[in-house]
Amino acid sequence: IYFLQIVLKNYYSVSSGNE
């Protein structure tokens, strides 16, 4: 389950950068 971890990390990064 690497894809899920990458997607989650990317999503978190986007959410954090979307401040």
C-alpha atoms as a PDB file:
ATOM      1  CA  ILE A   1       0.000   0.000   0.000  1.00  0.00           C
ATOM      2  CA  TYR A   2       2.531   2.604  -1.141  1.00  0.00           C
ATOM      3  CA  PHE A   3       0.208   4.432  -3.495  1.00  0.00           C
ATOM      4  CA  LEU A   4      -2.213   5.212  -0.671  1.00  0.00           C
ATOM      5  CA  GLN A   5       0.595   6.575   1.497  1.00  0.00           C
ATOM      6  CA  ILE A   6       1.889   8.760  -1.354  1.00  0.00           C
ATOM      7  CA  VAL A   7      -1.587  10.028  -2.178  1.00  0.00           C
ATOM      8  CA  LEU A   8      -2.318  10.731   1.472  1.00  0.00           C
ATOM      9  CA  LYS A   9       0.977  12.589   1.868  1.00  0.00           C
ATOM     10  CA  ASN A  10       0.330  14.552  -1.322  1.00  0.00           C
ATOM     11  CA  TYR A  11      -3.198  15.393  -0.234  1.00  0.00           C
ATOM     12  CA  TYR A  12      -1.958  16.534   3.165  1.00  0.00           C
ATOM     13  CA  SER A  13       0.727  18.651   1.521  1.00  0.00           C
ATOM     14  CA  VAL A  14      -1.816  20.270  -0.790  1.00  0.00           C
ATOM     15  CA  SER A  15      -4.209  20.899   2.086  1.00  0.00           C
ATOM     16  CA  SER A  16      -1.406  22.459   4.110  1.00  0.00           C
ATOM     17  CA  GLY A  17      -0.254  24.594   1.182  1.00  0.00           C
ATOM     18  CA  ASN A  18      -3.795  25.676   0.419  1.00  0.00           C
ATOM     19  CA  GLU A  19      -3.877  27.919   3.469  1.00  0.00           C
END
